[in-house]
Amino acid sequence: QVQLVESGGGLVQPGGSLRLSCAAAGSIFTINGMGWYRQAPGKQRELVAGITSGGSTKYADSVKGRFTISRDNAEVTVYLQMNSLKPEDTAVYYCNLVQSLNTGTYEYWGQGTQVTVSS
């Protein structure tokens, strides 16, 4: 079993910043990558940012230049620094981890953390 515990969400004014953290624990062997997704009310879950085991990153066009994903390999923790937040960034943010085992590739999700951008 793999557990992902997110923290750092909250209420922030437009233009403000938040930093999300996701700590992974449990049966972790070979991580393919970690990332952050978000889901706003009435919308599908979408990729916000991802980082591979080799350190390559990708971002949704809507957050490029404002959000930065990073990872602490020793602690198996992934971070999402969010700057210049906009009301449209309001969503539940989910941490994601993908790993490969002998039996296949597995995907795990955190419980989600609410980010609300409002004045």
Protein backbone atom coordinates (compact mmCIF):
# COMPACT_ATOMS: atom_id res chain seq x y z
CA GLN A 1 0.00 0.00 0.00
CA VAL A 2 1.05 3.57 -0.73
CA GLN A 3 -0.23 6.57 1.17
CA LEU A 4 -0.08 10.11 -0.11
CA VAL A 5 -0.69 12.89 2.39
CA GLU A 6 -1.23 16.40 1.06
CA SER A 7 -1.01 19.66 2.95
CA GLY A 8 -0.79 23.38 2.28
CA GLY A 9 -4.16 24.23 0.79
CA GLY A 10 -6.31 27.08 1.98
CA LEU A 11 -7.86 30.42 1.15
CA VAL A 12 -5.74 33.06 -0.56
CA GLN A 13 -6.44 36.35 -2.28
CA PRO A 14 -5.89 36.77 -6.02
CA GLY A 15 -2.22 37.38 -6.70
CA GLY A 16 -1.17 35.47 -3.61
CA SER A 17 0.88 32.32 -3.20
CA LEU A 18 0.50 28.89 -1.69
CA ARG A 19 2.80 25.89 -1.44
CA LEU A 20 1.34 22.40 -1.53
CA SER A 21 3.22 19.40 -0.18
CA CYS A 22 2.62 15.71 -0.71
CA ALA A 23 4.46 13.12 1.33
CA ALA A 24 4.47 9.53 0.12
CA ALA A 25 4.87 6.53 2.40
CA GLY A 26 4.44 2.78 2.27
CA SER A 27 5.46 0.22 -0.33
CA ILE A 28 7.34 2.48 -2.71
CA PHE A 29 9.93 0.89 -4.95
CA THR A 30 10.34 2.33 -8.46
CA ILE A 31 8.62 5.68 -8.97
CA ASN A 32 7.91 6.63 -12.55
CA GLY A 33 6.70 10.07 -11.61
CA MET A 34 4.67 12.24 -9.29
CA GLY A 35 2.33 15.08 -10.00
CA TRP A 36 -0.53 17.33 -9.09
CA TYR A 37 -4.01 17.30 -10.57
CA ARG A 38 -6.96 19.51 -9.79
CA GLN A 39 -10.69 19.31 -10.10
CA ALA A 40 -12.99 22.29 -9.98
CA PRO A 41 -16.74 21.93 -9.37
CA GLY A 42 -18.47 20.64 -12.47
CA LYS A 43 -15.22 20.05 -14.31
CA GLN A 44 -13.04 17.05 -15.06
CA ARG A 45 -9.86 16.38 -13.17
CA GLU A 46 -6.90 17.85 -15.03
CA LEU A 47 -3.14 17.61 -14.82
CA VAL A 48 -1.56 20.71 -13.29
CA ALA A 49 2.09 19.67 -13.15
CA GLY A 50 4.15 16.50 -13.21
CA ILE A 51 7.73 15.49 -12.54
CA THR A 52 9.44 12.28 -13.62
CA SER A 53 11.97 10.25 -11.67
CA GLY A 54 14.62 11.85 -13.85
CA GLY A 55 13.49 15.34 -12.96
CA SER A 56 11.71 16.28 -16.18
CA THR A 57 8.70 18.49 -15.62
CA LYS A 58 5.56 19.40 -17.50
CA TYR A 59 2.84 21.93 -16.80
CA ALA A 60 -0.64 22.76 -17.93
CA ASP A 61 -0.59 25.80 -20.19
CA SER A 62 -2.79 27.67 -17.74
CA VAL A 63 -0.18 27.52 -14.97
CA LYS A 64 3.09 27.85 -16.88
CA GLY A 65 5.24 30.62 -15.45
CA ARG A 66 3.20 30.73 -12.22
CA PHE A 67 3.49 27.25 -10.73
CA THR A 68 6.63 25.23 -10.03
CA ILE A 69 6.77 21.54 -9.19
CA SER A 70 9.72 20.08 -7.32
CA ARG A 71 10.58 16.87 -5.55
CA ASP A 72 12.66 15.72 -2.62
CA ASN A 73 13.77 12.25 -3.59
CA ALA A 74 15.12 11.40 -0.16
CA GLU A 75 11.82 12.17 1.52
CA VAL A 76 9.64 11.05 -1.41
CA THR A 77 7.84 14.36 -1.23
CA VAL A 78 6.58 16.50 -4.06
CA TYR A 79 5.83 20.21 -3.82
CA LEU A 80 3.80 22.64 -5.86
CA GLN A 81 4.70 26.29 -5.47
CA MET A 82 1.80 28.36 -6.73
CA ASN A 83 2.32 32.07 -7.35
CA SER A 84 0.14 34.77 -8.88
CA LEU A 85 -2.94 32.74 -8.05
CA LYS A 86 -6.15 33.48 -9.90
CA PRO A 87 -9.78 32.73 -8.99
CA GLU A 88 -9.81 30.13 -11.77
CA ASP A 89 -7.15 28.18 -9.87
CA THR A 90 -9.78 27.37 -7.26
CA ALA A 91 -10.14 23.59 -7.07
CA VAL A 92 -9.39 20.51 -5.05
CA TYR A 93 -5.77 19.59 -5.72
CA TYR A 94 -4.78 15.92 -5.73
CA CYS A 95 -1.33 14.40 -5.46
CA ASN A 96 -0.53 11.51 -7.79
CA LEU A 97 2.21 8.89 -7.81
CA VAL A 98 2.90 6.27 -10.48
CA GLN A 99 5.22 3.37 -9.88
CA SER A 100 6.18 0.22 -11.74
CA LEU A 101 6.35 -3.16 -10.06
CA ASN A 102 6.96 -6.62 -11.45
CA THR A 103 3.20 -7.08 -11.59
CA GLY A 104 2.48 -3.90 -13.52
CA THR A 105 2.18 -0.14 -13.28
CA TYR A 106 0.17 1.34 -10.44
CA GLU A 107 -1.27 4.76 -9.77
CA TYR A 108 -2.05 6.24 -6.37
CA TRP A 109 -3.95 9.33 -5.27
CA GLY A 110 -4.02 11.53 -2.23
CA GLN A 111 -7.22 12.61 -0.53
CA GLY A 112 -7.10 16.10 -1.99
CA THR A 113 -6.60 19.55 -0.54
CA GLN A 114 -8.84 22.53 -1.22
CA VAL A 115 -7.37 25.67 -2.75
CA THR A 116 -9.67 28.68 -2.86
CA VAL A 117 -8.60 31.93 -4.52
CA SER A 118 -10.98 34.72 -3.63
CA SER A 119 -11.03 38.27 -2.37
